[in-house]
Structure formats: structure tokens, C-alpha cells
Amino acid sequence: MEYRVVQTNGAKEIIDFRRDPIAYLSDISGRGLDIKHVSVGNHHRYFLNNPDLIREVLVLNGKDFTKGSGVRSLEALLGQGLVTSEGALHSQQRKLIQPVFGPGKLSGYVNSIGYAAFAMQEKWISGSTVVLEEDIRRLTIEIICRCMLGVEWKTNNTSALLAKALGGFQALHGDKAHISSLPFKVLAKWKFDAFRRNLDLILKEIVKLHQMRPECYSDMLSILLSTADGREWTRHDESLLLDEARTMLLAGHENTTNALLWTWFLIAEHPEVRQAIREESNSQIGSKLPGDIDLRRFRFTESVFKEALRLYPPAWIFARQAVTNCKLGPLAIPAGSTVFLSPFSVHRDIRFWDRPLEFRPQRWLQPGDAIRTPFSYFPFGAGTRGCIGEQFAMMEGVLILATISKNWVFDLAPGQQVELWPQVTLRQKKPLRFVALRV
């Protein structure tokens, strides 16, 4: 297969990418490039924009790559949780956590998700303006707490701690951290460390509850706590346990929150889609309790969520670092090189998608019309480093959309401008305001 490759050099390319990564990636997909190779001195960066190459990196030759420096910097926030760990530790963690997302477990989460979504919407007043981000973030945190940590509590404090911890991390490690003054960095680190300590205090209390009454729990923490094989837990074990709990809280709510916000933005822009979701929700939910709902029947709602993930994937870019000399397509990749894989650019490439910039949920309802090329759609990654909670996230997103759409619609409040903000996840730069209308 012939690949279209462009090779450039010079620091300006890296500056352009950091200044506006979305424009940079859009240029790559708009030009139909398969590989953009940027070299600065002895360091090489490769932007891959071809499904076959993505499959090579994530699946076929995954052992030749580790996670990039961006993910490694997340260790300040997540420690050695499943997102950041490597090698044998990562394999062990994934094997231990996998039962949490097994088919038998997933069906048991429907009640928790459905009731949480139903309870949240009761606070809205028809005709009022709401900042959906605040409500949806609290909701997804509450769901993660119930399903993964086995606890229920008022999420206001926890939500604030998570937001501040993530904000502190971005101040220390974001794209503008290198131009921040030293006093700003010192203050940001002090605040970040304080918020992480407070969050860990909450998580330690949850662990104690599990240890005191293990028979009452069957969640992620209980599974991890049961793997000590009769030996005493060490400080190292306890540290890893907190890392995993923190990872589940942050990774488990952040991506779903952003995916849902982008979905409601797109729905508000397409009234015909909004009406179709309402009709499906009314016909399938009716007066049923969440546990009685058959999610397989929400085909259109699922297609809307998938299409939103295509256009605005929260995990908008993945970075991998070559640990050995290897080959990708026509190029020899030196060890130490950084490889970038962007769902955002591949999902918008006309070579792999029909009318890629249009929001067309119907594409997922027509056999053969959606994913025409394997690995042209990878919002959750793939391979051994793919998101372990993919099925849970899809189920959660569809059920929240269906439950809320049955009774509420949202119009964008006037006078707003949507701006993409590519940070750790793809967010909206300013939280969007919606007018909530009960129907």
C-alpha cells in the first residue's frame, strides 16, 4: 500500500501544533495525509492518519510502544492507576479489574444509572437557563461512586475536589505551563497537592468501609481488596488501591461528561434528531423502571451518541513512544520517537467517512455505511491499552440520554460561541448555557 507522507523539520511545526492542535490536525485530515513526519534535531514526531497504521501501533505491534509523555505526566494526578501504568503491572491491573465490566455486571448497573439520571432532572425548572456541565458532571461522578466504589454520597464536595485537582494538573502540565511564572507554578502545585490529599482522605474512608464490611460490597474496590491472597496489605498495595480508585473517579466521569455535553450541543442544533430521540424514549421507557429497560431497543439514541463521539471524541489524541527501532508503513521509526494518533482527525477524513463533517446519526443504522474501514473509528482506543470501560460508558451515555430526553429538551441559550478546548480531554472552552424545557 502506498502512503501519502509529508516530512518537515523545525521547531515551528511543534509551535503550530501547540498553539492550535485542532487546526493542525484538521489540516492533516483535510489534505488526506497518512503520515506527517516532523523532526527537530534528533527527535522525531509522527502524526499518523491512516487506519492501517493505527492498527499497527495499537494492536499488531503494541509491544513496541509505550504511552507518551502526556499520559506519563498524568501520574502526578493518577499515580500508577490503569491509565498510566505499563508492562506487567498494567497487565495485572487490567486482569483484576476486567470482571467489573463483565456482561453479568453491566446489567446490574442499569438501575443505578437510571435512577440517578431520573433524580437529577427533578431539580430543573422548565424555561430556566442551566449550565448542563455542572449537572452532568455531578451525575457522572455519582454514578461512578455507586457502580465502581459502592458508595452514595452528596457529590457537591467531591465534584469540586475533582474539578480543582484537574484544574491544578492542567496549570502544572497543560500546553501553557512552560510559559507560566515560577511563583504561579509554586502556588498551583501547592493547591494541586492539597486538593489531591483531600480527595485521598475521602477515598481512604471508602476503603475502610469495604474492609470493615466486605460482605456488603461487590464493586471494583471489593474485587481489588480480595486479591491479597491472604497476605497482609502493604503501604505499596494501599497506594496502588488509591491510585486505581482515583483513576476510576477521574477517567470514569471526565470522558462521559464531555461526550454527553457535545451530544446535547449537537442535538440542540438538530431539532429533527431531538424529536426522534424523544419518540424512541417514550416508546421504550413509558412507565418502566430502569431495571426493566432493554437498552438494545435504543438503536437511534445509541447512534446519536456514537456520532457525537465521532465528531467530538473526548480522547481526541493518543501519544505513543517507540521503545525500539521499528517500521510503520514505509518509514523506519527510531527508538524514542513519538507517534500521535488522533481520533479527531481520522474521524473527519473524507477518505474513510461519507460527508465526515456532517452530524448524521443515521449512518450508524445502515449496514456498511458507518465504519467502512476498520480502525477509522476509535474513540476509546484499541488493543491492550483500549478503554476497559468502553461498554460501561456506552451504556451509561445511552441510558442518560434516553432517560432525560423523555421529559426534557434543551435549546442553546442565545449569544454563545462554541470553542473547542483540547486539554487532557476535548472540552468546551466556556461551559454552554441551555434553556431547559419540560415536554
Protein backbone atom coordinates (compact mmCIF):
# COMPACT_ATOMS: atom_id res chain seq x y z
CA MET A 1 0.00 0.00 0.00
CA GLU A 2 1.24 3.47 -0.85
CA TYR A 3 1.03 6.10 1.86
CA ARG A 4 0.98 9.82 1.43
CA VAL A 5 3.84 11.10 3.57
CA VAL A 6 4.94 14.68 4.25
CA GLN A 7 8.24 15.31 6.02
CA THR A 8 9.06 18.63 7.65
CA ASN A 9 11.57 19.88 10.18
CA GLY A 10 11.98 22.77 12.55
CA ALA A 11 10.52 23.84 15.87
CA LYS A 12 7.87 25.98 14.14
CA GLU A 13 5.83 22.86 13.38
CA ILE A 14 5.70 21.94 17.07
CA ILE A 15 4.82 25.51 18.00
CA ASP A 16 1.99 25.49 15.45
CA PHE A 17 0.66 22.23 16.88
CA ARG A 18 0.79 23.50 20.47
CA ARG A 19 -0.78 26.84 19.55
CA ASP A 20 -3.79 25.30 17.78
CA PRO A 21 -3.77 21.48 17.75
CA ILE A 22 -7.27 21.25 16.29
CA ALA A 23 -6.34 23.38 13.27
CA TYR A 24 -3.12 21.41 12.85
CA LEU A 25 -4.92 18.05 12.89
CA SER A 26 -7.72 19.34 10.66
CA ASP A 27 -5.10 20.35 8.09
CA ILE A 28 -3.67 16.82 8.11
CA SER A 29 -7.06 15.17 7.57
CA GLY A 30 -8.17 17.86 5.09
CA ARG A 31 -5.13 17.18 2.93
CA GLY A 32 -5.61 13.42 3.12
CA LEU A 33 -2.18 12.77 4.62
CA ASP A 34 -1.36 9.35 6.02
CA ILE A 35 1.81 10.37 7.84
CA LYS A 36 3.24 13.73 8.79
CA HIS A 37 6.81 13.38 9.98
CA VAL A 38 8.22 16.31 11.97
CA SER A 39 11.86 16.24 13.01
CA VAL A 40 13.53 18.67 15.39
CA GLY A 41 17.18 17.78 15.85
CA ASN A 42 17.35 14.10 16.75
CA HIS A 43 13.77 13.89 17.95
CA HIS A 44 11.09 12.65 15.60
CA ARG A 45 7.32 13.04 15.77
CA TYR A 46 4.94 11.16 13.52
CA PHE A 47 1.30 12.12 13.11
CA LEU A 48 -0.48 9.03 11.80
CA ASN A 49 -3.74 9.49 9.96
CA ASN A 50 -4.41 6.09 8.45
CA PRO A 51 -6.43 3.22 9.99
CA ASP A 52 -3.92 0.55 8.93
CA LEU A 53 -1.09 2.39 10.67
CA ILE A 54 -3.23 2.96 13.76
CA ARG A 55 -3.92 -0.78 13.91
CA GLU A 56 -0.19 -1.48 13.71
CA VAL A 57 0.58 0.79 16.67
CA LEU A 58 -2.35 -0.11 18.93
CA VAL A 59 -2.75 -3.82 18.19
CA LEU A 60 -0.25 -5.58 15.93
CA ASN A 61 2.93 -4.01 17.28
CA GLY A 62 1.69 -2.66 20.61
CA LYS A 63 4.69 -4.13 22.43
CA ASP A 64 6.99 -1.75 20.54
CA PHE A 65 5.32 1.31 22.07
CA THR A 66 4.63 2.78 25.50
CA LYS A 67 2.34 5.64 26.40
CA GLY A 68 3.66 9.10 25.57
CA SER A 69 4.91 11.82 27.89
CA GLY A 70 1.46 13.45 28.08
CA VAL A 71 -0.04 10.38 29.73
CA ARG A 72 3.04 9.85 31.89
CA SER A 73 2.59 13.36 33.26
CA LEU A 74 -0.85 12.22 34.48
CA GLU A 75 0.96 10.19 37.14
CA ALA A 76 1.00 13.36 39.26
CA LEU A 77 -2.77 13.02 39.39
CA LEU A 78 -3.49 9.33 38.88
CA GLY A 79 -0.38 7.65 40.28
CA GLN A 80 0.05 4.13 38.91
CA GLY A 81 -3.59 3.50 38.02
CA LEU A 82 -4.70 1.58 34.95
CA VAL A 83 -4.44 4.64 32.67
CA THR A 84 -0.78 5.35 33.44
CA SER A 85 0.78 2.01 34.43
CA GLU A 86 2.87 0.00 32.00
CA GLY A 87 4.14 -3.54 31.43
CA ALA A 88 3.44 -6.33 33.89
CA LEU A 89 1.72 -4.01 36.39
CA HIS A 90 -0.74 -2.81 33.74
CA SER A 91 -1.50 -6.37 32.60
CA GLN A 92 -2.11 -7.45 36.19
CA GLN A 93 -4.37 -4.48 36.93
CA ARG A 94 -6.40 -4.98 33.76
CA LYS A 95 -6.89 -8.66 34.54
CA LEU A 96 -8.07 -7.84 38.08
CA ILE A 97 -10.47 -5.07 37.02
CA GLN A 98 -11.93 -6.80 33.95
CA PRO A 99 -14.65 -8.65 35.93
CA VAL A 100 -16.08 -5.25 36.99
CA PHE A 101 -17.09 -4.68 33.36
CA GLY A 102 -18.18 -8.21 32.52
CA PRO A 103 -21.60 -8.83 30.87
CA GLY A 104 -23.16 -10.01 34.12
CA LYS A 105 -22.02 -6.92 35.97
CA LEU A 106 -23.06 -4.38 33.33
CA SER A 107 -26.74 -5.25 33.54
CA GLY A 108 -26.61 -4.65 37.28
CA TYR A 109 -25.55 -1.04 36.77
CA VAL A 110 -28.69 -0.07 34.83
CA ASN A 111 -30.71 0.67 37.97
CA SER A 112 -28.03 2.92 39.48
CA ILE A 113 -27.60 4.89 36.26
CA GLY A 114 -31.32 5.21 35.52
CA TYR A 115 -32.38 6.29 39.00
CA ALA A 116 -29.51 8.80 39.27
CA ALA A 117 -30.47 10.35 35.91
CA PHE A 118 -34.15 10.46 36.86
CA ALA A 119 -33.46 12.11 40.22
CA MET A 120 -31.20 14.78 38.74
CA GLN A 121 -33.78 16.12 36.28
CA GLU A 122 -36.30 16.78 39.03
CA LYS A 123 -34.31 19.85 40.11
CA TRP A 124 -34.77 21.72 36.81
CA ILE A 125 -37.47 24.32 36.25
CA SER A 126 -38.97 24.49 32.78
CA GLY A 127 -37.90 27.62 30.93
CA SER A 128 -34.87 28.21 33.16
CA THR A 129 -31.30 28.52 31.92
CA VAL A 130 -29.00 25.77 33.11
CA VAL A 131 -25.28 25.07 32.84
CA LEU A 132 -25.52 21.42 31.87
CA GLU A 133 -21.83 20.79 32.51
CA GLU A 134 -22.28 21.27 36.26
CA ASP A 135 -25.29 18.93 36.47
CA ILE A 136 -23.91 16.24 34.19
CA ARG A 137 -20.53 16.22 35.93
CA ARG A 138 -22.20 15.70 39.32
CA LEU A 139 -24.35 12.96 37.78
CA THR A 140 -21.47 11.01 36.24
CA ILE A 141 -19.46 11.27 39.47
CA GLU A 142 -22.42 9.96 41.43
CA ILE A 143 -22.79 7.04 39.01
CA ILE A 144 -19.09 6.13 39.24
CA CYS A 145 -19.27 6.30 43.03
CA ARG A 146 -22.27 3.97 43.12
CA CYS A 147 -21.11 1.48 40.48
CA MET A 148 -17.34 1.39 40.96
CA LEU A 149 -16.84 2.38 44.61
CA GLY A 150 -20.06 1.05 46.08
CA VAL A 151 -21.00 4.22 47.94
CA GLU A 152 -23.51 7.01 47.74
CA TRP A 153 -22.82 10.48 49.00
CA LYS A 154 -23.58 14.08 48.15
CA THR A 155 -21.33 14.75 45.21
CA ASN A 156 -21.03 18.52 45.51
CA ASN A 157 -17.84 18.38 47.59
CA THR A 158 -16.35 15.52 45.61
CA SER A 159 -17.17 17.19 42.30
CA ALA A 160 -15.47 20.39 43.42
CA LEU A 161 -12.38 18.48 44.57
CA LEU A 162 -12.12 16.66 41.26
CA ALA A 163 -12.57 19.84 39.24
CA LYS A 164 -9.90 21.65 41.27
CA ALA A 165 -7.50 18.72 41.10
CA LEU A 166 -7.90 18.54 37.32
CA GLY A 167 -7.56 22.32 37.04
CA GLY A 168 -4.41 22.21 39.13
CA PHE A 169 -2.99 19.47 36.96
CA GLN A 170 -3.67 21.47 33.79
CA ALA A 171 -2.00 24.52 35.32
CA LEU A 172 1.10 22.44 36.03
CA HIS A 173 1.20 20.29 32.91
CA GLY A 174 -1.03 21.94 30.30
CA ASP A 175 0.03 23.42 26.99
CA LYS A 176 0.79 26.82 28.56
CA ALA A 177 2.62 25.53 31.64
CA HIS A 178 6.02 26.19 30.06
CA ILE A 179 5.32 29.95 29.91
CA SER A 180 3.94 30.27 33.44
CA SER A 181 5.94 32.21 36.01
CA LEU A 182 7.72 30.38 38.82
CA PRO A 183 5.50 31.85 41.59
CA PHE A 184 2.41 30.76 39.64
CA LYS A 185 3.77 27.23 39.29
CA VAL A 186 4.64 27.02 43.00
CA LEU A 187 1.16 28.20 44.01
CA ALA A 188 -0.52 25.88 41.50
CA LYS A 189 1.45 22.89 42.81
CA TRP A 190 0.59 23.73 46.41
CA LYS A 191 -3.11 23.90 45.58
CA PHE A 192 -2.98 20.75 43.47
CA ASP A 193 -1.26 18.76 46.24
CA ALA A 194 -3.78 20.00 48.82
CA PHE A 195 -6.78 19.02 46.70
CA ARG A 196 -5.31 15.59 45.94
CA ARG A 197 -4.70 14.98 49.65
CA ASN A 198 -8.30 15.89 50.45
CA LEU A 199 -9.57 13.59 47.73
CA ASP A 200 -7.43 10.75 49.03
CA LEU A 201 -8.84 11.24 52.53
CA ILE A 202 -12.33 10.63 51.13
CA LEU A 203 -11.15 7.56 49.22
CA LYS A 204 -9.41 6.13 52.30
CA GLU A 205 -12.68 6.32 54.21
CA ILE A 206 -14.39 4.38 51.41
CA VAL A 207 -11.67 1.71 51.55
CA LYS A 208 -12.17 1.40 55.31
CA LEU A 209 -15.90 0.82 54.81
CA HIS A 210 -15.10 -2.00 52.39
CA GLN A 211 -12.59 -3.55 54.79
CA MET A 212 -14.98 -3.39 57.76
CA ARG A 213 -17.94 -4.99 55.95
CA PRO A 214 -16.67 -6.75 52.81
CA GLU A 215 -19.85 -8.81 52.50
CA CYS A 216 -21.80 -5.63 51.68
CA TYR A 217 -19.86 -4.75 48.53
CA SER A 218 -19.33 -6.24 45.07
CA ASP A 219 -17.72 -3.32 43.23
CA MET A 220 -14.26 -2.55 41.85
CA LEU A 221 -12.70 -1.85 45.26
CA SER A 222 -14.06 -5.06 46.75
CA ILE A 223 -12.57 -7.04 43.86
CA LEU A 224 -9.17 -5.40 44.32
CA LEU A 225 -9.27 -5.86 48.08
CA SER A 226 -9.98 -9.57 47.67
CA THR A 227 -6.77 -10.16 45.70
CA ALA A 228 -4.37 -10.05 48.63
CA ASP A 229 -4.26 -13.88 48.64
CA GLY A 230 -4.28 -14.00 52.42
CA ARG A 231 -1.23 -11.81 52.91
CA GLU A 232 -1.16 -8.50 54.74
CA TRP A 233 -1.68 -5.40 52.67
CA THR A 234 1.44 -3.26 52.42
CA ARG A 235 1.71 0.50 52.03
CA HIS A 236 2.54 -0.13 48.38
CA ASP A 237 -0.70 -2.09 47.94
CA GLU A 238 -2.71 0.66 49.61
CA SER A 239 -1.09 3.29 47.43
CA LEU A 240 -1.98 1.36 44.26
CA LEU A 241 -5.53 0.91 45.53
CA LEU A 242 -5.92 4.67 45.97
CA ASP A 243 -4.38 5.23 42.54
CA GLU A 244 -6.94 2.91 40.97
CA ALA A 245 -9.86 4.50 42.82
CA ARG A 246 -8.68 7.97 41.82
CA THR A 247 -8.26 6.81 38.22
CA MET A 248 -11.78 5.39 38.09
CA LEU A 249 -13.27 8.56 39.55
CA LEU A 250 -11.45 10.91 37.19
CA ALA A 251 -11.26 8.89 33.97
CA GLY A 252 -14.65 7.32 34.60
CA HIS A 253 -16.53 10.60 34.76
CA GLU A 254 -14.49 13.08 32.69
CA ASN A 255 -14.84 11.47 29.25
CA THR A 256 -18.52 10.60 29.68
CA THR A 257 -19.33 14.11 30.89
CA ASN A 258 -17.70 15.71 27.86
CA ALA A 259 -19.24 13.20 25.45
CA LEU A 260 -22.72 13.95 26.78
CA LEU A 261 -22.19 17.71 26.62
CA TRP A 262 -21.12 17.53 22.98
CA THR A 263 -24.08 15.26 22.28
CA TRP A 264 -26.58 17.74 23.72
CA PHE A 265 -24.92 20.56 21.81
CA LEU A 266 -25.39 18.63 18.55
CA ILE A 267 -28.96 17.65 19.44
CA ALA A 268 -29.84 21.28 20.13
CA GLU A 269 -28.57 22.14 16.65
CA HIS A 270 -30.69 19.41 15.03
CA PRO A 271 -34.36 19.52 16.15
CA GLU A 272 -35.29 16.52 13.99
CA VAL A 273 -32.77 14.38 15.90
CA ARG A 274 -34.09 15.64 19.21
CA GLN A 275 -37.63 14.68 18.22
CA ALA A 276 -36.57 11.20 17.11
CA ILE A 277 -34.82 10.54 20.44
CA ARG A 278 -37.91 11.69 22.34
CA GLU A 279 -40.15 9.38 20.36
CA GLU A 280 -37.85 6.42 20.96
CA SER A 281 -37.57 7.21 24.68
CA ASN A 282 -41.34 7.48 25.10
CA SER A 283 -41.98 4.23 23.26
CA GLN A 284 -39.32 2.23 25.07
CA ILE A 285 -39.40 3.66 28.59
CA GLY A 286 -43.00 4.60 29.18
CA SER A 287 -43.71 3.88 32.84
CA LYS A 288 -40.99 1.22 33.16
CA LEU A 289 -38.48 1.20 35.98
CA PRO A 290 -34.79 1.45 34.93
CA GLY A 291 -34.18 -2.23 35.67
CA ASP A 292 -36.89 -3.21 33.19
CA ILE A 293 -35.47 -1.21 30.28
CA ASP A 294 -33.95 -3.13 27.36
CA LEU A 295 -31.10 -0.94 26.12
CA ARG A 296 -30.83 -2.94 22.90
CA ARG A 297 -34.00 -1.22 21.74
CA PHE A 298 -32.48 2.28 21.86
CA ARG A 299 -30.87 1.98 18.46
CA PHE A 300 -31.37 5.58 17.40
CA THR A 301 -30.25 7.04 20.73
CA GLU A 302 -27.14 4.87 20.55
CA SER A 303 -26.47 6.07 17.00
CA VAL A 304 -26.67 9.71 18.19
CA PHE A 305 -24.15 9.05 20.96
CA LYS A 306 -21.80 7.22 18.59
CA GLU A 307 -21.97 10.05 16.08
CA ALA A 308 -21.20 12.63 18.76
CA LEU A 309 -18.17 10.54 19.76
CA ARG A 310 -17.09 10.54 16.14
CA LEU A 311 -17.23 14.31 15.71
CA TYR A 312 -16.06 15.27 19.21
CA PRO A 313 -14.11 12.38 20.75
CA PRO A 314 -13.17 13.30 24.35
CA ALA A 315 -9.92 11.36 23.94
CA TRP A 316 -9.03 13.44 20.91
CA ILE A 317 -5.39 12.33 20.60
CA PHE A 318 -3.21 9.46 21.81
CA ALA A 319 0.57 9.58 22.03
CA ARG A 320 2.88 6.56 21.98
CA GLN A 321 6.64 6.39 22.29
CA ALA A 322 8.67 3.82 20.38
CA VAL A 323 10.75 1.71 22.78
CA THR A 324 12.70 0.07 19.97
CA ASN A 325 13.57 0.70 16.33
CA CYS A 326 10.57 -0.38 14.29
CA LYS A 327 8.82 0.17 10.98
CA LEU A 328 5.48 1.80 10.23
CA GLY A 329 4.39 1.70 6.63
CA PRO A 330 7.28 2.97 4.53
CA LEU A 331 9.10 4.64 7.44
CA ALA A 332 11.76 3.35 9.80
CA ILE A 333 10.87 4.68 13.26
CA PRO A 334 13.84 5.23 15.58
CA ALA A 335 13.53 4.26 19.23
CA GLY A 336 12.45 7.23 21.34
CA SER A 337 10.26 8.71 18.61
CA THR A 338 6.78 9.96 19.47
CA VAL A 339 3.81 8.74 17.46
CA PHE A 340 0.49 10.64 17.56
CA LEU A 341 -2.85 9.00 16.75
CA SER A 342 -5.82 11.34 16.60
CA PRO A 343 -9.42 10.09 16.54
CA PHE A 344 -10.41 13.70 15.86
CA SER A 345 -8.54 13.82 12.54
CA VAL A 346 -9.25 10.27 11.37
CA HIS A 347 -12.96 10.57 12.23
CA ARG A 348 -13.16 13.65 9.97
CA ASP A 349 -11.23 12.33 6.97
CA ILE A 350 -13.33 12.10 3.79
CA ARG A 351 -11.35 9.05 2.65
CA PHE A 352 -12.89 6.99 5.44
CA TRP A 353 -16.24 8.71 6.02
CA ASP A 354 -19.09 9.88 3.84
CA ARG A 355 -19.70 13.60 4.47
CA PRO A 356 -17.48 13.45 7.56
CA LEU A 357 -18.17 16.95 8.89
CA GLU A 358 -21.95 16.40 8.99
CA PHE A 359 -23.79 15.17 12.07
CA ARG A 360 -25.60 12.14 10.64
CA PRO A 361 -26.68 9.60 13.28
CA GLN A 362 -28.45 7.64 10.52
CA ARG A 363 -25.07 6.46 9.23
CA TRP A 364 -24.93 4.02 12.18
CA LEU A 365 -28.30 2.48 11.30
CA GLN A 366 -27.36 1.45 7.76
CA PRO A 367 -25.24 -1.72 7.47
CA GLY A 368 -21.88 -0.97 5.91
CA ASP A 369 -22.39 2.78 5.88
CA ALA A 370 -20.75 3.67 9.19
CA ILE A 371 -17.34 2.12 9.79
CA ARG A 372 -16.31 1.36 6.26
CA THR A 373 -12.67 0.86 7.25
CA PRO A 374 -11.58 -0.92 10.45
CA PHE A 375 -9.82 1.43 12.90
CA SER A 376 -11.28 4.51 11.22
CA TYR A 377 -13.34 4.85 14.43
CA PHE A 378 -11.53 4.51 17.74
CA PRO A 379 -12.89 6.96 20.35
CA PHE A 380 -11.95 4.51 23.12
CA GLY A 381 -8.58 3.49 21.71
CA ALA A 382 -7.93 -0.18 20.96
CA GLY A 383 -5.80 -3.15 21.90
CA THR A 384 -4.46 -3.88 25.36
CA ARG A 385 -4.46 -0.15 26.16
CA GLY A 386 -8.01 0.45 24.95
CA CYS A 387 -10.52 1.82 27.46
CA ILE A 388 -11.57 -1.04 29.75
CA GLY A 389 -14.84 0.74 30.49
CA GLU A 390 -15.96 1.22 26.86
CA GLN A 391 -19.14 -0.84 27.18
CA PHE A 392 -20.00 0.76 30.50
CA ALA A 393 -19.51 4.26 29.04
CA MET A 394 -21.72 3.46 26.03
CA MET A 395 -24.44 2.02 28.25
CA GLU A 396 -24.23 4.99 30.62
CA GLY A 397 -24.35 7.58 27.84
CA VAL A 398 -27.31 5.99 26.05
CA LEU A 399 -29.32 5.47 29.24
CA ILE A 400 -28.75 9.04 30.47
CA LEU A 401 -29.73 10.47 27.07
CA ALA A 402 -32.85 8.32 26.86
CA THR A 403 -33.99 8.95 30.45
CA ILE A 404 -33.61 12.71 30.29
CA SER A 405 -34.88 13.10 26.70
CA LYS A 406 -38.18 11.52 27.67
CA ASN A 407 -39.15 14.61 29.68
CA TRP A 408 -36.72 17.41 28.73
CA VAL A 409 -35.32 19.18 25.70
CA PHE A 410 -32.54 21.75 25.67
CA ASP A 411 -32.11 24.79 23.46
CA LEU A 412 -28.83 26.66 23.33
CA ALA A 413 -29.16 29.98 25.14
CA PRO A 414 -28.60 32.86 22.68
CA GLY A 415 -25.38 34.81 22.33
CA GLN A 416 -22.91 31.96 22.82
CA GLN A 417 -19.94 30.89 20.77
CA VAL A 418 -18.75 27.30 20.89
CA GLU A 419 -14.97 26.95 21.11
CA LEU A 420 -13.06 23.68 21.19
CA TRP A 421 -10.64 23.43 24.10
CA PRO A 422 -8.28 20.46 23.59
CA GLN A 423 -6.77 19.79 27.00
CA VAL A 424 -6.49 16.39 28.68
CA THR A 425 -9.88 15.81 27.03
CA LEU A 426 -11.71 17.69 24.28
CA ARG A 427 -13.84 20.19 26.17
CA GLN A 428 -15.85 23.31 25.50
CA LYS A 429 -13.78 26.36 26.40
CA LYS A 430 -16.66 28.05 28.19
CA PRO A 431 -19.49 25.99 29.71
CA LEU A 432 -22.52 26.24 27.46
CA ARG A 433 -25.81 27.51 28.81
CA PHE A 434 -29.01 25.77 27.76
CA VAL A 435 -32.66 26.63 28.18
CA ALA A 436 -34.34 23.59 29.75
CA LEU A 437 -37.88 22.87 28.60
CA ARG A 438 -40.10 20.18 30.07
CA VAL A 439 -42.13 18.33 27.44
